[in-house]
N, C-alpha and C. Protein backbone atom coordinates (compact mmCIF):
# COMPACT_ATOMS: atom_id res chain seq x y z
N MET A 1 4.29 7.56 15.31
CA MET A 1 3.81 7.87 13.98
C MET A 1 2.83 9.04 14.03
N PRO A 2 1.69 8.94 14.71
CA PRO A 2 0.81 10.11 14.78
C PRO A 2 1.49 11.25 15.49
N ASP A 3 1.30 12.42 14.94
CA ASP A 3 1.93 13.62 15.50
C ASP A 3 0.85 14.46 16.16
N GLU A 4 0.88 14.51 17.47
CA GLU A 4 -0.16 15.22 18.21
C GLU A 4 0.04 16.73 18.17
N THR A 5 1.17 17.20 17.65
CA THR A 5 1.42 18.64 17.62
C THR A 5 0.98 19.28 16.31
N SER A 6 0.75 18.47 15.27
CA SER A 6 0.36 19.06 13.99
C SER A 6 -1.12 19.44 14.01
N PRO A 7 -1.49 20.43 13.20
CA PRO A 7 -2.89 20.86 13.16
C PRO A 7 -3.78 19.69 12.75
N SER A 8 -5.00 19.68 13.26
CA SER A 8 -5.90 18.59 12.93
C SER A 8 -7.29 19.13 12.61
N THR A 9 -8.09 18.27 12.01
CA THR A 9 -9.46 18.59 11.65
C THR A 9 -10.36 17.53 12.26
N HIS A 10 -11.46 17.95 12.80
CA HIS A 10 -12.42 17.02 13.36
C HIS A 10 -13.19 16.35 12.23
N VAL A 11 -13.31 15.02 12.28
CA VAL A 11 -14.02 14.25 11.26
C VAL A 11 -14.98 13.30 11.96
N THR A 12 -16.19 13.22 11.44
CA THR A 12 -17.17 12.27 11.96
C THR A 12 -17.24 11.11 10.98
N LEU A 13 -17.23 9.89 11.53
CA LEU A 13 -17.18 8.70 10.70
C LEU A 13 -18.06 7.62 11.29
N ARG A 14 -18.91 7.02 10.49
CA ARG A 14 -19.73 5.90 10.95
C ARG A 14 -18.98 4.61 10.65
N LEU A 15 -18.85 3.78 11.67
CA LEU A 15 -18.15 2.50 11.52
C LEU A 15 -19.00 1.39 12.12
N PRO A 16 -18.84 0.17 11.62
CA PRO A 16 -19.52 -0.95 12.23
C PRO A 16 -19.02 -1.14 13.67
N HIS A 17 -19.90 -1.64 14.54
CA HIS A 17 -19.55 -1.81 15.95
C HIS A 17 -18.32 -2.69 16.13
N ASP A 18 -18.19 -3.74 15.32
CA ASP A 18 -17.05 -4.64 15.50
C ASP A 18 -15.72 -3.95 15.20
N VAL A 19 -15.72 -3.02 14.27
CA VAL A 19 -14.49 -2.29 13.95
C VAL A 19 -14.12 -1.36 15.11
N VAL A 20 -15.11 -0.67 15.65
CA VAL A 20 -14.85 0.22 16.79
C VAL A 20 -14.37 -0.59 17.99
N GLU A 21 -14.98 -1.74 18.23
CA GLU A 21 -14.54 -2.59 19.33
C GLU A 21 -13.10 -3.05 19.14
N ALA A 22 -12.76 -3.39 17.92
CA ALA A 22 -11.37 -3.81 17.64
C ALA A 22 -10.40 -2.67 17.92
N PHE A 23 -10.75 -1.45 17.51
CA PHE A 23 -9.90 -0.29 17.81
C PHE A 23 -9.81 -0.07 19.31
N ASP A 24 -10.94 -0.19 20.00
CA ASP A 24 -10.95 0.01 21.46
C ASP A 24 -10.07 -1.01 22.17
N LYS A 25 -10.13 -2.26 21.76
CA LYS A 25 -9.30 -3.30 22.38
C LYS A 25 -7.82 -3.02 22.15
N LEU A 26 -7.50 -2.66 20.93
CA LEU A 26 -6.11 -2.36 20.62
C LEU A 26 -5.63 -1.13 21.38
N ALA A 27 -6.47 -0.12 21.46
CA ALA A 27 -6.12 1.09 22.20
C ALA A 27 -5.88 0.77 23.68
N ALA A 28 -6.70 -0.10 24.24
CA ALA A 28 -6.52 -0.48 25.65
C ALA A 28 -5.20 -1.20 25.87
N VAL A 29 -4.88 -2.13 24.97
CA VAL A 29 -3.62 -2.87 25.09
C VAL A 29 -2.42 -1.93 24.98
N LEU A 30 -2.52 -0.98 24.06
CA LEU A 30 -1.42 -0.05 23.82
C LEU A 30 -1.42 1.12 24.80
N GLU A 31 -2.49 1.21 25.59
CA GLU A 31 -2.66 2.33 26.52
C GLU A 31 -2.58 3.66 25.78
N ARG A 32 -3.33 3.71 24.68
CA ARG A 32 -3.39 4.90 23.84
C ARG A 32 -4.86 5.23 23.58
N PRO A 33 -5.17 6.45 23.20
CA PRO A 33 -6.56 6.78 22.84
C PRO A 33 -6.96 6.08 21.54
N ARG A 34 -8.24 5.83 21.41
CA ARG A 34 -8.76 5.22 20.19
C ARG A 34 -8.36 6.04 18.96
N SER A 35 -8.44 7.34 19.06
CA SER A 35 -8.12 8.20 17.91
C SER A 35 -6.66 8.02 17.48
N TRP A 36 -5.77 7.78 18.42
CA TRP A 36 -4.35 7.56 18.10
C TRP A 36 -4.20 6.30 17.26
N VAL A 37 -4.90 5.24 17.67
CA VAL A 37 -4.83 3.97 16.95
C VAL A 37 -5.45 4.12 15.56
N MET A 38 -6.58 4.82 15.48
CA MET A 38 -7.23 5.02 14.19
C MET A 38 -6.35 5.84 13.24
N LEU A 39 -5.73 6.87 13.76
CA LEU A 39 -4.85 7.70 12.94
C LEU A 39 -3.69 6.89 12.41
N ARG A 40 -3.12 6.07 13.26
CA ARG A 40 -2.01 5.21 12.85
C ARG A 40 -2.46 4.24 11.75
N ALA A 41 -3.65 3.67 11.90
CA ALA A 41 -4.17 2.74 10.89
C ALA A 41 -4.41 3.46 9.57
N LEU A 42 -4.97 4.65 9.62
CA LEU A 42 -5.21 5.41 8.40
C LEU A 42 -3.92 5.79 7.70
N ARG A 43 -2.94 6.20 8.46
CA ARG A 43 -1.64 6.55 7.85
C ARG A 43 -0.99 5.33 7.22
N HIS A 44 -1.11 4.20 7.89
CA HIS A 44 -0.55 2.96 7.34
C HIS A 44 -1.24 2.62 6.02
N TYR A 45 -2.56 2.75 5.98
CA TYR A 45 -3.32 2.49 4.77
C TYR A 45 -2.87 3.42 3.64
N LEU A 46 -2.75 4.70 3.94
CA LEU A 46 -2.35 5.66 2.91
C LEU A 46 -0.95 5.37 2.39
N LYS A 47 -0.07 4.94 3.26
CA LYS A 47 1.31 4.65 2.86
C LYS A 47 1.38 3.38 2.00
N ALA A 48 0.56 2.39 2.33
CA ALA A 48 0.61 1.12 1.61
C ALA A 48 -0.36 1.11 0.43
N GLU A 49 -1.61 0.86 0.69
CA GLU A 49 -2.60 0.73 -0.39
C GLU A 49 -2.84 2.06 -1.10
N GLY A 50 -2.83 3.14 -0.37
CA GLY A 50 -3.01 4.45 -0.99
C GLY A 50 -1.92 4.75 -1.99
N ALA A 51 -0.68 4.40 -1.66
CA ALA A 51 0.44 4.61 -2.57
C ALA A 51 0.28 3.75 -3.82
N GLU A 52 -0.23 2.55 -3.64
CA GLU A 52 -0.45 1.66 -4.78
C GLU A 52 -1.49 2.26 -5.73
N VAL A 53 -2.55 2.81 -5.17
CA VAL A 53 -3.58 3.44 -6.00
C VAL A 53 -3.00 4.63 -6.75
N ARG A 54 -2.19 5.45 -6.06
CA ARG A 54 -1.57 6.60 -6.73
C ARG A 54 -0.66 6.15 -7.87
N GLU A 55 0.09 5.06 -7.66
CA GLU A 55 0.96 4.53 -8.71
C GLU A 55 0.15 4.05 -9.90
N ASP A 56 -0.98 3.40 -9.63
CA ASP A 56 -1.84 2.93 -10.72
C ASP A 56 -2.38 4.11 -11.52
N VAL A 57 -2.80 5.16 -10.84
CA VAL A 57 -3.32 6.34 -11.52
C VAL A 57 -2.23 6.96 -12.39
N GLU A 58 -1.03 7.03 -11.88
CA GLU A 58 0.07 7.60 -12.66
C GLU A 58 0.40 6.72 -13.86
N ALA A 59 0.36 5.40 -13.68
CA ALA A 59 0.63 4.49 -14.80
C ALA A 59 -0.41 4.65 -15.90
N ILE A 60 -1.66 4.79 -15.51
CA ILE A 60 -2.72 5.00 -16.50
C ILE A 60 -2.52 6.34 -17.22
N ALA A 61 -2.12 7.36 -16.49
CA ALA A 61 -1.85 8.66 -17.11
C ALA A 61 -0.70 8.55 -18.11
N GLU A 62 0.32 7.77 -17.77
CA GLU A 62 1.43 7.55 -18.70
C GLU A 62 0.93 6.90 -19.99
N LEU A 63 0.06 5.91 -19.84
CA LEU A 63 -0.51 5.26 -21.03
C LEU A 63 -1.33 6.24 -21.85
N ASP A 64 -2.10 7.08 -21.17
CA ASP A 64 -2.90 8.09 -21.88
C ASP A 64 -2.02 9.07 -22.64
N ARG A 65 -0.80 9.32 -22.13
CA ARG A 65 0.13 10.22 -22.82
C ARG A 65 0.88 9.49 -23.93
N GLY A 66 0.59 8.20 -24.10
CA GLY A 66 1.24 7.42 -25.15
C GLY A 66 2.57 6.83 -24.75
N ARG A 67 2.89 6.89 -23.49
CA ARG A 67 4.16 6.32 -23.01
C ARG A 67 3.91 4.88 -22.55
N SER A 68 4.38 3.97 -23.35
CA SER A 68 4.22 2.56 -23.01
C SER A 68 5.36 1.77 -23.63
N VAL A 69 5.44 0.51 -23.26
CA VAL A 69 6.44 -0.40 -23.81
C VAL A 69 5.69 -1.43 -24.64
N PRO A 70 6.17 -1.71 -25.84
CA PRO A 70 5.49 -2.71 -26.66
C PRO A 70 5.41 -4.06 -25.95
N ALA A 71 4.31 -4.77 -26.15
CA ALA A 71 4.09 -6.06 -25.48
C ALA A 71 5.22 -7.04 -25.78
N GLN A 72 5.72 -7.04 -27.01
CA GLN A 72 6.80 -7.97 -27.37
C GLN A 72 8.05 -7.70 -26.54
N GLN A 73 8.33 -6.44 -26.25
CA GLN A 73 9.49 -6.10 -25.43
C GLN A 73 9.30 -6.61 -24.00
N VAL A 74 8.10 -6.44 -23.47
CA VAL A 74 7.80 -6.93 -22.12
C VAL A 74 7.98 -8.43 -22.06
N LEU A 75 7.44 -9.15 -23.04
CA LEU A 75 7.57 -10.61 -23.07
C LEU A 75 9.03 -11.04 -23.19
N ALA A 76 9.80 -10.33 -24.00
CA ALA A 76 11.23 -10.64 -24.14
C ALA A 76 11.95 -10.41 -22.82
N ASP A 77 11.62 -9.33 -22.13
CA ASP A 77 12.24 -9.05 -20.83
C ASP A 77 11.88 -10.14 -19.80
N VAL A 78 10.63 -10.56 -19.81
CA VAL A 78 10.19 -11.62 -18.89
C VAL A 78 10.93 -12.92 -19.20
N ASP A 79 11.02 -13.27 -20.47
CA ASP A 79 11.75 -14.48 -20.86
C ASP A 79 13.21 -14.41 -20.41
N ASP A 80 13.81 -13.24 -20.55
CA ASP A 80 15.20 -13.05 -20.13
C ASP A 80 15.35 -13.24 -18.61
N ILE A 81 14.44 -12.66 -17.87
CA ILE A 81 14.48 -12.79 -16.41
C ILE A 81 14.31 -14.25 -16.00
N ILE A 82 13.36 -14.92 -16.61
CA ILE A 82 13.12 -16.34 -16.29
C ILE A 82 14.33 -17.17 -16.67
N GLY A 83 14.91 -16.88 -17.82
CA GLY A 83 16.09 -17.62 -18.26
C GLY A 83 17.25 -17.46 -17.29
N ARG A 84 17.48 -16.25 -16.82
CA ARG A 84 18.57 -16.01 -15.86
C ARG A 84 18.28 -16.70 -14.53
N ARG A 85 17.04 -16.76 -14.16
CA ARG A 85 16.65 -17.37 -12.88
C ARG A 85 16.81 -18.89 -12.93
N LYS A 86 16.51 -19.49 -14.08
CA LYS A 86 16.59 -20.94 -14.23
C LYS A 86 18.02 -21.42 -14.37
N SER A 87 18.88 -20.66 -14.99
CA SER A 87 20.24 -21.11 -15.29
C SER A 87 21.03 -21.56 -14.07
N PRO A 88 21.16 -20.76 -13.01
CA PRO A 88 21.95 -21.19 -11.86
C PRO A 88 21.38 -22.45 -11.19
N ARG A 89 20.09 -22.57 -11.12
CA ARG A 89 19.48 -23.74 -10.49
C ARG A 89 19.69 -24.99 -11.33
N ALA A 90 19.64 -24.83 -12.63
CA ALA A 90 19.81 -25.98 -13.51
C ALA A 90 21.22 -26.55 -13.35
N ARG A 91 22.21 -25.71 -13.13
CA ARG A 91 23.60 -26.17 -12.97
C ARG A 91 23.80 -26.87 -11.63
N LYS A 92 23.08 -26.46 -10.58
CA LYS A 92 23.27 -27.02 -9.25
C LYS A 92 22.74 -28.45 -9.14
N ARG A 93 21.76 -28.80 -9.95
CA ARG A 93 21.11 -30.12 -9.82
C ARG A 93 21.86 -31.17 -10.53
């Protein structure tokens, strides 16, 4: 995942001792440098939680532009989904 050939920037970061120790232990097990493990963790965060934050920001921007679905439509869609989900199970019992 981390690409050692791409350009990089030096960053200084203060972390609690327990977090650094956890990175050090993991780096030792993986036989990788601490920075490699940290970079991998940061990329994983950006891909998962970071993407979720970006999606939330975009959804709020859509609302600000007036693009939304009426609440009644959402409730009708949910009822439809629940109804379809219950039907096959109700027949099996």
